[in-house]
PDB file of all heavy atoms in Angstrom:
ATOM      1  N   GLU A   1       7.372  15.711  14.830  1.00  0.00           N
ATOM      2  CA  GLU A   1       5.974  16.141  14.929  1.00  0.00           C
ATOM      3  C   GLU A   1       5.371  16.339  13.542  1.00  0.00           C
ATOM      4  O   GLU A   1       4.202  15.998  13.316  1.00  0.00           O
ATOM      5  CB  GLU A   1       5.882  17.430  15.754  1.00  0.00           C
ATOM      6  CG  GLU A   1       6.214  17.260  17.223  1.00  0.00           C
ATOM      7  CD  GLU A   1       5.314  16.231  17.911  1.00  0.00           C
ATOM      8  OE1 GLU A   1       4.113  16.167  17.564  1.00  0.00           O
ATOM      9  OE2 GLU A   1       5.814  15.486  18.764  1.00  0.00           O
ATOM     10  N   ASN A   2       6.153  16.867  12.614  1.00  0.00           N
ATOM     11  CA  ASN A   2       5.671  17.037  11.242  1.00  0.00           C
ATOM     12  C   ASN A   2       5.385  15.680  10.607  1.00  0.00           C
ATOM     13  O   ASN A   2       4.357  15.495   9.941  1.00  0.00           O
ATOM     14  CB  ASN A   2       6.707  17.794  10.416  1.00  0.00           C
ATOM     15  CG  ASN A   2       6.234  18.055   8.996  1.00  0.00           C
ATOM     16  OD1 ASN A   2       5.196  18.663   8.775  1.00  0.00           O
ATOM     17  ND2 ASN A   2       7.000  17.592   8.017  1.00  0.00           N
ATOM     18  N   ASP A   3       6.288  14.731  10.826  1.00  0.00           N
ATOM     19  CA  ASP A   3       6.071  13.371  10.320  1.00  0.00           C
ATOM     20  C   ASP A   3       4.767  12.795  10.862  1.00  0.00           C
ATOM     21  O   ASP A   3       3.975  12.215  10.115  1.00  0.00           O
ATOM     22  CB  ASP A   3       7.228  12.457  10.742  1.00  0.00           C
ATOM     23  CG  ASP A   3       8.437  12.571   9.826  1.00  0.00           C
ATOM     24  OD1 ASP A   3       8.380  13.342   8.852  1.00  0.00           O
ATOM     25  OD2 ASP A   3       9.434  11.880  10.096  1.00  0.00           O
ATOM     26  N   ILE A   4       4.557  12.929  12.162  1.00  0.00           N
ATOM     27  CA  ILE A   4       3.377  12.345  12.799  1.00  0.00           C
ATOM     28  C   ILE A   4       2.095  12.924  12.206  1.00  0.00           C
ATOM     29  O   ILE A   4       1.122  12.200  11.956  1.00  0.00           O
ATOM     30  CB  ILE A   4       3.432  12.551  14.325  1.00  0.00           C
ATOM     31  CG1 ILE A   4       4.566  11.699  14.931  1.00  0.00           C
ATOM     32  CG2 ILE A   4       2.091  12.190  14.972  1.00  0.00           C
ATOM     33  CD1 ILE A   4       4.838  11.982  16.391  1.00  0.00           C
ATOM     34  N   GLU A   5       2.073  14.224  11.956  1.00  0.00           N
ATOM     35  CA  GLU A   5       0.884  14.844  11.369  1.00  0.00           C
ATOM     36  C   GLU A   5       0.623  14.314   9.965  1.00  0.00           C
ATOM     37  O   GLU A   5      -0.529  14.061   9.580  1.00  0.00           O
ATOM     38  CB  GLU A   5       1.037  16.366  11.349  1.00  0.00           C
ATOM     39  CG  GLU A   5       0.974  17.007  12.723  1.00  0.00           C
ATOM     40  CD  GLU A   5      -0.294  16.624  13.489  1.00  0.00           C
ATOM     41  OE1 GLU A   5      -1.391  16.741  12.899  1.00  0.00           O
ATOM     42  OE2 GLU A   5      -0.183  16.193  14.647  1.00  0.00           O
ATOM     43  N   ILE A   6       1.689  14.121   9.178  1.00  0.00           N
ATOM     44  CA  ILE A   6       1.528  13.572   7.833  1.00  0.00           C
ATOM     45  C   ILE A   6       1.054  12.128   7.902  1.00  0.00           C
ATOM     46  O   ILE A   6       0.178  11.696   7.139  1.00  0.00           O
ATOM     47  CB  ILE A   6       2.850  13.667   7.044  1.00  0.00           C
ATOM     48  CG1 ILE A   6       3.221  15.140   6.815  1.00  0.00           C
ATOM     49  CG2 ILE A   6       2.741  12.940   5.703  1.00  0.00           C
ATOM     50  CD1 ILE A   6       4.582  15.343   6.182  1.00  0.00           C
ATOM     51  N   LEU A   7       1.617  11.353   8.836  1.00  0.00           N
ATOM     52  CA  LEU A   7       1.217   9.957   8.993  1.00  0.00           C
ATOM     53  C   LEU A   7      -0.252   9.837   9.386  1.00  0.00           C
ATOM     54  O   LEU A   7      -0.973   8.954   8.893  1.00  0.00           O
ATOM     55  CB  LEU A   7       2.106   9.277  10.036  1.00  0.00           C
ATOM     56  CG  LEU A   7       3.585   9.135   9.635  1.00  0.00           C
ATOM     57  CD1 LEU A   7       4.428   8.734  10.843  1.00  0.00           C
ATOM     58  CD2 LEU A   7       3.744   8.132   8.506  1.00  0.00           C
ATOM     59  N   LYS A   8      -0.710  10.730  10.251  1.00  0.00           N
ATOM     60  CA  LYS A   8      -2.132  10.733  10.607  1.00  0.00           C
ATOM     61  C   LYS A   8      -2.988  11.021   9.384  1.00  0.00           C
ATOM     62  O   LYS A   8      -4.039  10.387   9.178  1.00  0.00           O
ATOM     63  CB  LYS A   8      -2.401  11.785  11.685  1.00  0.00           C
ATOM     64  CG  LYS A   8      -1.852  11.442  13.058  1.00  0.00           C
ATOM     65  CD  LYS A   8      -2.151  12.567  14.046  1.00  0.00           C
ATOM     66  CE  LYS A   8      -1.624  12.249  15.436  1.00  0.00           C
ATOM     67  NZ  LYS A   8      -1.881  13.362  16.394  1.00  0.00           N
ATOM     68  N   ARG A   9      -2.554  11.967   8.573  1.00  0.00           N
ATOM     69  CA  ARG A   9      -3.296  12.321   7.370  1.00  0.00           C
ATOM     70  C   ARG A   9      -3.352  11.140   6.401  1.00  0.00           C
ATOM     71  O   ARG A   9      -4.397  10.859   5.792  1.00  0.00           O
ATOM     72  CB  ARG A   9      -2.636  13.534   6.692  1.00  0.00           C
ATOM     73  CG  ARG A   9      -3.285  13.985   5.395  1.00  0.00           C
ATOM     74  CD  ARG A   9      -4.700  14.441   5.600  1.00  0.00           C
ATOM     75  NE  ARG A   9      -5.298  14.932   4.366  1.00  0.00           N
ATOM     76  CZ  ARG A   9      -6.595  15.035   4.172  1.00  0.00           C
ATOM     77  NH1 ARG A   9      -7.450  14.690   5.119  1.00  0.00           N
ATOM     78  NH2 ARG A   9      -7.061  15.487   3.022  1.00  0.00           N
ATOM     79  N   GLN A  10      -2.237  10.426   6.255  1.00  0.00           N
ATOM     80  CA  GLN A  10      -2.227   9.240   5.396  1.00  0.00           C
ATOM     81  C   GLN A  10      -3.281   8.231   5.849  1.00  0.00           C
ATOM     82  O   GLN A  10      -4.009   7.666   5.027  1.00  0.00           O
ATOM     83  CB  GLN A  10      -0.839   8.593   5.427  1.00  0.00           C
ATOM     84  CG  GLN A  10       0.252   9.407   4.756  1.00  0.00           C
ATOM     85  CD  GLN A  10       1.625   8.798   4.940  1.00  0.00           C
ATOM     86  OE1 GLN A  10       1.801   7.842   5.706  1.00  0.00           O
ATOM     87  NE2 GLN A  10       2.610   9.329   4.250  1.00  0.00           N
ATOM     88  N   GLU A  11      -3.343   8.006   7.157  1.00  0.00           N
ATOM     89  CA  GLU A  11      -4.294   7.025   7.693  1.00  0.00           C
ATOM     90  C   GLU A  11      -5.744   7.469   7.526  1.00  0.00           C
ATOM     91  O   GLU A  11      -6.641   6.632   7.392  1.00  0.00           O
ATOM     92  CB  GLU A  11      -3.972   6.758   9.162  1.00  0.00           C
ATOM     93  CG  GLU A  11      -2.632   6.049   9.364  1.00  0.00           C
ATOM     94  CD  GLU A  11      -2.159   6.090  10.806  1.00  0.00           C
ATOM     95  OE1 GLU A  11      -2.993   6.347  11.705  1.00  0.00           O
ATOM     96  OE2 GLU A  11      -0.962   5.867  11.050  1.00  0.00           O
ATOM     97  N   GLU A  12      -5.978   8.773   7.529  1.00  0.00           N
ATOM     98  CA  GLU A  12      -7.325   9.287   7.315  1.00  0.00           C
ATOM     99  C   GLU A  12      -7.778   9.148   5.865  1.00  0.00           C
ATOM    100  O   GLU A  12      -8.954   8.881   5.589  1.00  0.00           O
ATOM    101  CB  GLU A  12      -7.387  10.761   7.726  1.00  0.00           C
ATOM    102  CG  GLU A  12      -7.227  11.006   9.224  1.00  0.00           C
ATOM    103  CD  GLU A  12      -7.069  12.486   9.540  1.00  0.00           C
ATOM    104  OE1 GLU A  12      -7.033  13.299   8.575  1.00  0.00           O
ATOM    105  OE2 GLU A  12      -6.967  12.835  10.725  1.00  0.00           O
ATOM    106  N   VAL A  13      -6.835   9.318   4.941  1.00  0.00           N
ATOM    107  CA  VAL A  13      -7.176   9.341   3.515  1.00  0.00           C
ATOM    108  C   VAL A  13      -7.171   7.946   2.892  1.00  0.00           C
ATOM    109  O   VAL A  13      -8.058   7.610   2.092  1.00  0.00           O
ATOM    110  CB  VAL A  13      -6.202  10.270   2.752  1.00  0.00           C
ATOM    111  CG1 VAL A  13      -6.436  10.172   1.245  1.00  0.00           C
ATOM    112  CG2 VAL A  13      -6.353  11.706   3.231  1.00  0.00           C
ATOM    113  N   LEU A  14      -6.191   7.129   3.250  1.00  0.00           N
ATOM    114  CA  LEU A  14      -6.006   5.835   2.584  1.00  0.00           C
ATOM    115  C   LEU A  14      -6.871   4.763   3.231  1.00  0.00           C
ATOM    116  O   LEU A  14      -6.393   3.875   3.946  1.00  0.00           O
ATOM    117  CB  LEU A  14      -4.525   5.457   2.599  1.00  0.00           C
ATOM    118  CG  LEU A  14      -3.605   6.436   1.865  1.00  0.00           C
ATOM    119  CD1 LEU A  14      -2.155   6.023   2.007  1.00  0.00           C
ATOM    120  CD2 LEU A  14      -4.008   6.562   0.396  1.00  0.00           C
ATOM    121  N   ARG A  15      -8.172   4.865   2.943  1.00  0.00           N
ATOM    122  CA  ARG A  15      -9.153   3.923   3.469  1.00  0.00           C
ATOM    123  C   ARG A  15      -9.919   3.284   2.313  1.00  0.00           C
ATOM    124  O   ARG A  15      -9.995   3.844   1.219  1.00  0.00           O
ATOM    125  CB  ARG A  15     -10.105   4.619   4.445  1.00  0.00           C
ATOM    126  CG  ARG A  15      -9.369   5.163   5.665  1.00  0.00           C
ATOM    127  CD  ARG A  15     -10.290   5.804   6.676  1.00  0.00           C
ATOM    128  NE  ARG A  15      -9.552   6.261   7.863  1.00  0.00           N
ATOM    129  CZ  ARG A  15     -10.105   6.795   8.932  1.00  0.00           C
ATOM    130  NH1 ARG A  15     -11.429   6.955   8.971  1.00  0.00           N
ATOM    131  NH2 ARG A  15      -9.360   7.172   9.959  1.00  0.00           N
ATOM    132  N   PHE A  16     -10.490   2.126   2.584  1.00  0.00           N
ATOM    133  CA  PHE A  16     -11.147   1.328   1.556  1.00  0.00           C
ATOM    134  C   PHE A  16     -12.663   1.329   1.759  1.00  0.00           C
ATOM    135  O   PHE A  16     -13.151   1.383   2.888  1.00  0.00           O
ATOM    136  CB  PHE A  16     -10.661  -0.125   1.616  1.00  0.00           C
ATOM    137  CG  PHE A  16      -9.194  -0.314   1.366  1.00  0.00           C
ATOM    138  CD1 PHE A  16      -8.256  -0.011   2.349  1.00  0.00           C
ATOM    139  CD2 PHE A  16      -8.751  -0.805   0.152  1.00  0.00           C
ATOM    140  CE1 PHE A  16      -6.909  -0.207   2.123  1.00  0.00           C
ATOM    141  CE2 PHE A  16      -7.399  -1.001  -0.090  1.00  0.00           C
ATOM    142  CZ  PHE A  16      -6.467  -0.696   0.903  1.00  0.00           C
ATOM    143  N   ASP A  17     -13.391   1.225   0.647  1.00  0.00           N
ATOM    144  CA  ASP A  17     -14.829   0.986   0.734  1.00  0.00           C
ATOM    145  C   ASP A  17     -15.096  -0.494   1.005  1.00  0.00           C
ATOM    146  O   ASP A  17     -16.066  -0.854   1.679  1.00  0.00           O
ATOM    147  CB  ASP A  17     -15.527   1.414  -0.561  1.00  0.00           C
ATOM    148  CG  ASP A  17     -15.492   2.923  -0.748  1.00  0.00           C
ATOM    149  OD1 ASP A  17     -15.582   3.645   0.258  1.00  0.00           O
ATOM    150  OD2 ASP A  17     -15.354   3.368  -1.899  1.00  0.00           O
ATOM    151  N   ALA A  18     -14.207  -1.330   0.485  1.00  0.00           N
ATOM    152  CA  ALA A  18     -14.290  -2.777   0.702  1.00  0.00           C
ATOM    153  C   ALA A  18     -12.967  -3.378   0.247  1.00  0.00           C
ATOM    154  O   ALA A  18     -12.208  -2.751  -0.494  1.00  0.00           O
ATOM    155  CB  ALA A  18     -15.444  -3.388  -0.082  1.00  0.00           C
ATOM    156  N   LEU A  19     -12.683  -4.604   0.704  1.00  0.00           N
ATOM    157  CA  LEU A  19     -11.471  -5.289   0.247  1.00  0.00           C
ATOM    158  C   LEU A  19     -11.732  -6.796   0.270  1.00  0.00           C
ATOM    159  O   LEU A  19     -11.674  -7.437   1.318  1.00  0.00           O
ATOM    160  CB  LEU A  19     -10.269  -4.949   1.124  1.00  0.00           C
ATOM    161  CG  LEU A  19      -8.928  -5.450   0.569  1.00  0.00           C
ATOM    162  CD1 LEU A  19      -8.489  -4.587  -0.616  1.00  0.00           C
ATOM    163  CD2 LEU A  19      -7.848  -5.467   1.631  1.00  0.00           C
ATOM    164  N   SER A  20     -12.041  -7.330  -0.901  1.00  0.00           N
ATOM    165  CA  SER A  20     -12.302  -8.760  -1.026  1.00  0.00           C
ATOM    166  C   SER A  20     -10.989  -9.511  -1.240  1.00  0.00           C
ATOM    167  O   SER A  20      -9.917  -8.911  -1.378  1.00  0.00           O
ATOM    168  CB  SER A  20     -13.226  -9.006  -2.216  1.00  0.00           C
ATOM    169  OG  SER A  20     -12.545  -8.684  -3.431  1.00  0.00           O
ATOM    170  N   GLU A  21     -11.094 -10.835  -1.318  1.00  0.00           N
ATOM    171  CA  GLU A  21      -9.917 -11.652  -1.620  1.00  0.00           C
ATOM    172  C   GLU A  21      -9.331 -11.266  -2.979  1.00  0.00           C
ATOM    173  O   GLU A  21      -8.094 -11.181  -3.129  1.00  0.00           O
ATOM    174  CB  GLU A  21     -10.293 -13.133  -1.606  1.00  0.00           C
ATOM    175  CG  GLU A  21     -10.609 -13.694  -0.230  1.00  0.00           C
ATOM    176  CD  GLU A  21     -12.037 -13.486   0.207  1.00  0.00           C
ATOM    177  OE1 GLU A  21     -12.775 -12.724  -0.477  1.00  0.00           O
ATOM    178  OE2 GLU A  21     -12.439 -14.075   1.224  1.00  0.00           O
ATOM    179  N   ASP A  22     -10.182 -11.039  -3.945  1.00  0.00           N
ATOM    180  CA  ASP A  22      -9.702 -10.640  -5.275  1.00  0.00           C
ATOM    181  C   ASP A  22      -9.037  -9.270  -5.219  1.00  0.00           C
ATOM    182  O   ASP A  22      -8.021  -9.033  -5.895  1.00  0.00           O
ATOM    183  CB  ASP A  22     -10.855 -10.617  -6.274  1.00  0.00           C
ATOM    184  CG  ASP A  22     -11.339 -12.017  -6.631  1.00  0.00           C
ATOM    185  OD1 ASP A  22     -10.592 -12.987  -6.396  1.00  0.00           O
ATOM    186  OD2 ASP A  22     -12.478 -12.132  -7.125  1.00  0.00           O
ATOM    187  N   ASP A  23      -9.614  -8.356  -4.436  1.00  0.00           N
ATOM    188  CA  ASP A  23      -9.024  -7.028  -4.293  1.00  0.00           C
ATOM    189  C   ASP A  23      -7.624  -7.111  -3.683  1.00  0.00           C
ATOM    190  O   ASP A  23      -6.697  -6.408  -4.108  1.00  0.00           O
ATOM    191  CB  ASP A  23      -9.908  -6.137  -3.413  1.00  0.00           C
ATOM    192  CG  ASP A  23     -11.259  -5.838  -4.047  1.00  0.00           C
ATOM    193  OD1 ASP A  23     -11.352  -5.849  -5.284  1.00  0.00           O
ATOM    194  OD2 ASP A  23     -12.214  -5.600  -3.286  1.00  0.00           O
ATOM    195  N   ALA A  24      -7.488  -7.954  -2.668  1.00  0.00           N
ATOM    196  CA  ALA A  24      -6.191  -8.112  -2.014  1.00  0.00           C
ATOM    197  C   ALA A  24      -5.157  -8.654  -2.998  1.00  0.00           C
ATOM    198  O   ALA A  24      -3.995  -8.229  -2.995  1.00  0.00           O
ATOM    199  CB  ALA A  24      -6.312  -9.044  -0.808  1.00  0.00           C
ATOM    200  N   TRP A  25      -5.581  -9.586  -3.833  1.00  0.00           N
ATOM    201  CA  TRP A  25      -4.658 -10.133  -4.840  1.00  0.00           C
ATOM    202  C   TRP A  25      -4.263  -9.057  -5.856  1.00  0.00           C
ATOM    203  O   TRP A  25      -3.089  -8.965  -6.245  1.00  0.00           O
ATOM    204  CB  TRP A  25      -5.310 -11.314  -5.562  1.00  0.00           C
ATOM    205  CG  TRP A  25      -4.381 -11.968  -6.542  1.00  0.00           C
ATOM    206  CD1 TRP A  25      -4.289 -11.754  -7.875  1.00  0.00           C
ATOM    207  CD2 TRP A  25      -3.372 -12.938  -6.216  1.00  0.00           C
ATOM    208  NE1 TRP A  25      -3.300 -12.515  -8.429  1.00  0.00           N
ATOM    209  CE2 TRP A  25      -2.719 -13.257  -7.436  1.00  0.00           C
ATOM    210  CE3 TRP A  25      -2.980 -13.562  -5.043  1.00  0.00           C
ATOM    211  CZ2 TRP A  25      -1.673 -14.185  -7.487  1.00  0.00           C
ATOM    212  CZ3 TRP A  25      -1.948 -14.493  -5.095  1.00  0.00           C
ATOM    213  CH2 TRP A  25      -1.307 -14.790  -6.313  1.00  0.00           C
ATOM    214  N   THR A  26      -5.227  -8.244  -6.253  1.00  0.00           N
ATOM    215  CA  THR A  26      -4.928  -7.160  -7.201  1.00  0.00           C
ATOM    216  C   THR A  26      -3.942  -6.162  -6.598  1.00  0.00           C
ATOM    217  O   THR A  26      -2.963  -5.763  -7.253  1.00  0.00           O
ATOM    218  CB  THR A  26      -6.229  -6.435  -7.594  1.00  0.00           C
ATOM    219  OG1 THR A  26      -7.125  -7.366  -8.214  1.00  0.00           O
ATOM    220  CG2 THR A  26      -5.935  -5.298  -8.564  1.00  0.00           C
ATOM    221  N   LEU A  27      -4.184  -5.757  -5.366  1.00  0.00           N
ATOM    222  CA  LEU A  27      -3.280  -4.825  -4.691  1.00  0.00           C
ATOM    223  C   LEU A  27      -1.899  -5.446  -4.508  1.00  0.00           C
ATOM    224  O   LEU A  27      -0.877  -4.810  -4.794  1.00  0.00           O
ATOM    225  CB  LEU A  27      -3.861  -4.424  -3.337  1.00  0.00           C
ATOM    226  CG  LEU A  27      -2.946  -3.597  -2.423  1.00  0.00           C
ATOM    227  CD1 LEU A  27      -2.527  -2.293  -3.094  1.00  0.00           C
ATOM    228  CD2 LEU A  27      -3.625  -3.336  -1.091  1.00  0.00           C
ATOM    229  N   GLY A  28      -1.853  -6.682  -4.045  1.00  0.00           N
ATOM    230  CA  GLY A  28      -0.570  -7.335  -3.843  1.00  0.00           C
ATOM    231  C   GLY A  28       0.213  -7.493  -5.133  1.00  0.00           C
ATOM    232  O   GLY A  28       1.442  -7.301  -5.159  1.00  0.00           O
ATOM    233  N   SER A  29      -0.481  -7.824  -6.205  1.00  0.00           N
ATOM    234  CA  SER A  29       0.183  -7.976  -7.499  1.00  0.00           C
ATOM    235  C   SER A  29       0.755  -6.646  -7.977  1.00  0.00           C
ATOM    236  O   SER A  29       1.868  -6.595  -8.532  1.00  0.00           O
ATOM    237  CB  SER A  29      -0.807  -8.534  -8.529  1.00  0.00           C
ATOM    238  OG  SER A  29      -1.282  -9.811  -8.140  1.00  0.00           O
ATOM    239  N   LEU A  30      -0.008  -5.579  -7.777  1.00  0.00           N
ATOM    240  CA  LEU A  30       0.493  -4.244  -8.123  1.00  0.00           C
ATOM    241  C   LEU A  30       1.770  -3.938  -7.344  1.00  0.00           C
ATOM    242  O   LEU A  30       2.756  -3.439  -7.912  1.00  0.00           O
ATOM    243  CB  LEU A  30      -0.585  -3.199  -7.829  1.00  0.00           C
ATOM    244  CG  LEU A  30      -0.281  -1.728  -8.110  1.00  0.00           C
ATOM    245  CD1 LEU A  30      -1.591  -0.971  -8.364  1.00  0.00           C
ATOM    246  CD2 LEU A  30       0.461  -1.040  -6.973  1.00  0.00           C
ATOM    247  N   MET A  31       1.747  -4.242  -6.051  1.00  0.00           N
ATOM    248  CA  MET A  31       2.913  -3.965  -5.206  1.00  0.00           C
ATOM    249  C   MET A  31       4.115  -4.789  -5.655  1.00  0.00           C
ATOM    250  O   MET A  31       5.246  -4.294  -5.678  1.00  0.00           O
ATOM    251  CB  MET A  31       2.578  -4.248  -3.744  1.00  0.00           C
ATOM    252  CG  MET A  31       1.507  -3.324  -3.178  1.00  0.00           C
ATOM    253  SD  MET A  31       1.054  -3.704  -1.462  1.00  0.00           S
ATOM    254  CE  MET A  31       2.536  -3.164  -0.602  1.00  0.00           C
ATOM    255  N   ARG A  32       3.869  -6.046  -6.016  1.00  0.00           N
ATOM    256  CA  ARG A  32       4.986  -6.874  -6.470  1.00  0.00           C
ATOM    257  C   ARG A  32       5.574  -6.355  -7.769  1.00  0.00           C
ATOM    258  O   ARG A  32       6.806  -6.331  -7.940  1.00  0.00           O
ATOM    259  CB  ARG A  32       4.528  -8.330  -6.655  1.00  0.00           C
ATOM    260  CG  ARG A  32       5.707  -9.277  -6.821  1.00  0.00           C
ATOM    261  CD  ARG A  32       5.303 -10.685  -7.172  1.00  0.00           C
ATOM    262  NE  ARG A  32       6.431 -11.592  -7.005  1.00  0.00           N
ATOM    263  CZ  ARG A  32       7.480 -11.663  -7.828  1.00  0.00           C
ATOM    264  NH1 ARG A  32       7.533 -10.868  -8.890  1.00  0.00           N
ATOM    265  NH2 ARG A  32       8.468 -12.518  -7.594  1.00  0.00           N
ATOM    266  N   GLU A  33       4.726  -5.939  -8.679  1.00  0.00           N
ATOM    267  CA  GLU A  33       5.210  -5.393  -9.949  1.00  0.00           C
ATOM    268  C   GLU A  33       6.066  -4.157  -9.714  1.00  0.00           C
ATOM    269  O   GLU A  33       7.129  -3.996 -10.328  1.00  0.00           O
ATOM    270  CB  GLU A  33       4.032  -5.052 -10.853  1.00  0.00           C
ATOM    271  CG  GLU A  33       3.296  -6.264 -11.416  1.00  0.00           C
ATOM    272  CD  GLU A  33       2.082  -5.856 -12.238  1.00  0.00           C
ATOM    273  OE1 GLU A  33       1.898  -4.624 -12.442  1.00  0.00           O
ATOM    274  OE2 GLU A  33       1.316  -6.751 -12.653  1.00  0.00           O
ATOM    275  N   ARG A  34       5.606  -3.254  -8.833  1.00  0.00           N
ATOM    276  CA  ARG A  34       6.366  -2.023  -8.559  1.00  0.00           C
ATOM    277  C   ARG A  34       7.696  -2.348  -7.890  1.00  0.00           C
ATOM    278  O   ARG A  34       8.725  -1.740  -8.195  1.00  0.00           O
ATOM    279  CB  ARG A  34       5.546  -1.082  -7.672  1.00  0.00           C
ATOM    280  CG  ARG A  34       4.225  -0.618  -8.266  1.00  0.00           C
ATOM    281  CD  ARG A  34       4.410   0.186  -9.539  1.00  0.00           C
ATOM    282  NE  ARG A  34       3.121   0.506 -10.150  1.00  0.00           N
ATOM    283  CZ  ARG A  34       2.556  -0.255 -11.108  1.00  0.00           C
ATOM    284  NH1 ARG A  34       3.172  -1.343 -11.549  1.00  0.00           N
ATOM    285  NH2 ARG A  34       1.383   0.090 -11.617  1.00  0.00           N
ATOM    286  N   ALA A  35       7.681  -3.292  -6.956  1.00  0.00           N
ATOM    287  CA  ALA A  35       8.918  -3.664  -6.268  1.00  0.00           C
ATOM    288  C   ALA A  35       9.905  -4.314  -7.240  1.00  0.00           C
ATOM    289  O   ALA A  35      11.108  -4.007  -7.214  1.00  0.00           O
ATOM    290  CB  ALA A  35       8.609  -4.605  -5.113  1.00  0.00           C
ATOM    291  N   ALA A  36       9.416  -5.199  -8.085  1.00  0.00           N
ATOM    292  CA  ALA A  36      10.289  -5.876  -9.042  1.00  0.00           C
ATOM    293  C   ALA A  36      10.886  -4.883 -10.035  1.00  0.00           C
ATOM    294  O   ALA A  36      12.068  -4.970 -10.389  1.00  0.00           O
ATOM    295  CB  ALA A  36       9.506  -6.965  -9.773  1.00  0.00           C
ATOM    296  N   ALA A  37      10.074  -3.927 -10.483  1.00  0.00           N
ATOM    297  CA  ALA A  37      10.557  -2.923 -11.429  1.00  0.00           C
ATOM    298  C   ALA A  37      11.668  -2.077 -10.837  1.00  0.00           C
ATOM    299  O   ALA A  37      12.585  -1.623 -11.547  1.00  0.00           O
ATOM    300  CB  ALA A  37       9.400  -2.038 -11.879  1.00  0.00           C
ATOM    301  N   LYS A  38      11.609  -1.839  -9.523  1.00  0.00           N
ATOM    302  CA  LYS A  38      12.622  -1.033  -8.840  1.00  0.00           C
ATOM    303  C   LYS A  38      13.760  -1.873  -8.268  1.00  0.00           C
ATOM    304  O   LYS A  38      14.701  -1.342  -7.692  1.00  0.00           O
ATOM    305  CB  LYS A  38      11.969  -0.233  -7.716  1.00  0.00           C
ATOM    306  CG  LYS A  38      10.951   0.789  -8.188  1.00  0.00           C
ATOM    307  CD  LYS A  38      10.321   1.523  -7.010  1.00  0.00           C
ATOM    308  CE  LYS A  38       9.304   2.554  -7.480  1.00  0.00           C
ATOM    309  NZ  LYS A  38       8.692   3.277  -6.330  1.00  0.00           N
ATOM    310  N   GLY A  39      13.663  -3.194  -8.410  1.00  0.00           N
ATOM    311  CA  GLY A  39      14.689  -4.067  -7.878  1.00  0.00           C
ATOM    312  C   GLY A  39      14.746  -4.081  -6.364  1.00  0.00           C
ATOM    313  O   GLY A  39      15.823  -4.238  -5.776  1.00  0.00           O
ATOM    314  N   LEU A  40      13.589  -3.955  -5.725  1.00  0.00           N
ATOM    315  CA  LEU A  40      13.547  -3.889  -4.262  1.00  0.00           C
ATOM    316  C   LEU A  40      13.428  -5.293  -3.670  1.00  0.00           C
ATOM    317  O   LEU A  40      12.548  -6.059  -4.055  1.00  0.00           O
ATOM    318  CB  LEU A  40      12.359  -3.038  -3.801  1.00  0.00           C
ATOM    319  CG  LEU A  40      12.340  -1.586  -4.276  1.00  0.00           C
ATOM    320  CD1 LEU A  40      11.088  -0.886  -3.771  1.00  0.00           C
ATOM    321  CD2 LEU A  40      13.586  -0.847  -3.821  1.00  0.00           C
ATOM    322  N   PRO A  41      14.271  -5.629  -2.700  1.00  0.00           N
ATOM    323  CA  PRO A  41      14.208  -6.945  -2.058  1.00  0.00           C
ATOM    324  C   PRO A  41      13.154  -6.966  -0.954  1.00  0.00           C
ATOM    325  O   PRO A  41      13.469  -6.862   0.233  1.00  0.00           O
ATOM    326  CB  PRO A  41      15.622  -7.108  -1.486  1.00  0.00           C
ATOM    327  CG  PRO A  41      16.036  -5.706  -1.150  1.00  0.00           C
ATOM    328  CD  PRO A  41      15.401  -4.822  -2.197  1.00  0.00           C
ATOM    329  N   LEU A  42      11.904  -7.127  -1.330  1.00  0.00           N
ATOM    330  CA  LEU A  42      10.810  -6.997  -0.375  1.00  0.00           C
ATOM    331  C   LEU A  42      10.027  -8.294  -0.186  1.00  0.00           C
ATOM    332  O   LEU A  42       9.828  -9.059  -1.129  1.00  0.00           O
ATOM    333  CB  LEU A  42       9.828  -5.911  -0.833  1.00  0.00           C
ATOM    334  CG  LEU A  42      10.305  -4.461  -0.789  1.00  0.00           C
ATOM    335  CD1 LEU A  42       9.215  -3.550  -1.341  1.00  0.00           C
ATOM    336  CD2 LEU A  42      10.681  -4.058   0.622  1.00  0.00           C
ATOM    337  N   VAL A  43       9.590  -8.502   1.026  1.00  0.00           N
ATOM    338  CA  VAL A  43       8.508  -9.421   1.330  1.00  0.00           C
ATOM    339  C   VAL A  43       7.240  -8.579   1.409  1.00  0.00           C
ATOM    340  O   VAL A  43       7.243  -7.504   2.020  1.00  0.00           O
ATOM    341  CB  VAL A  43       8.754 -10.152   2.664  1.00  0.00           C
ATOM    342  CG1 VAL A  43       7.456 -10.689   3.236  1.00  0.00           C
ATOM    343  CG2 VAL A  43       9.747 -11.287   2.476  1.00  0.00           C
ATOM    344  N   ILE A  44       6.166  -9.025   0.773  1.00  0.00           N
ATOM    345  CA  ILE A  44       4.898  -8.286   0.755  1.00  0.00           C
ATOM    346  C   ILE A  44       3.807  -9.197   1.309  1.00  0.00           C
ATOM    347  O   ILE A  44       3.662 -10.340   0.873  1.00  0.00           O
ATOM    348  CB  ILE A  44       4.540  -7.834  -0.678  1.00  0.00           C
ATOM    349  CG1 ILE A  44       5.665  -6.958  -1.255  1.00  0.00           C
ATOM    350  CG2 ILE A  44       3.212  -7.080  -0.685  1.00  0.00           C
ATOM    351  CD1 ILE A  44       5.507  -6.671  -2.746  1.00  0.00           C
TER     352      ILE A  44
END
């Protein structure tokens, strides 16, 4: 139940004003850099 309340809060806060194709590329590139730095085997 504690997890669910936190997850709801995440969904309320982590919202966008807009997300263009360029924005998606910027976000994805950031995620790839963080994953590579941590050595995480991720598909993004």
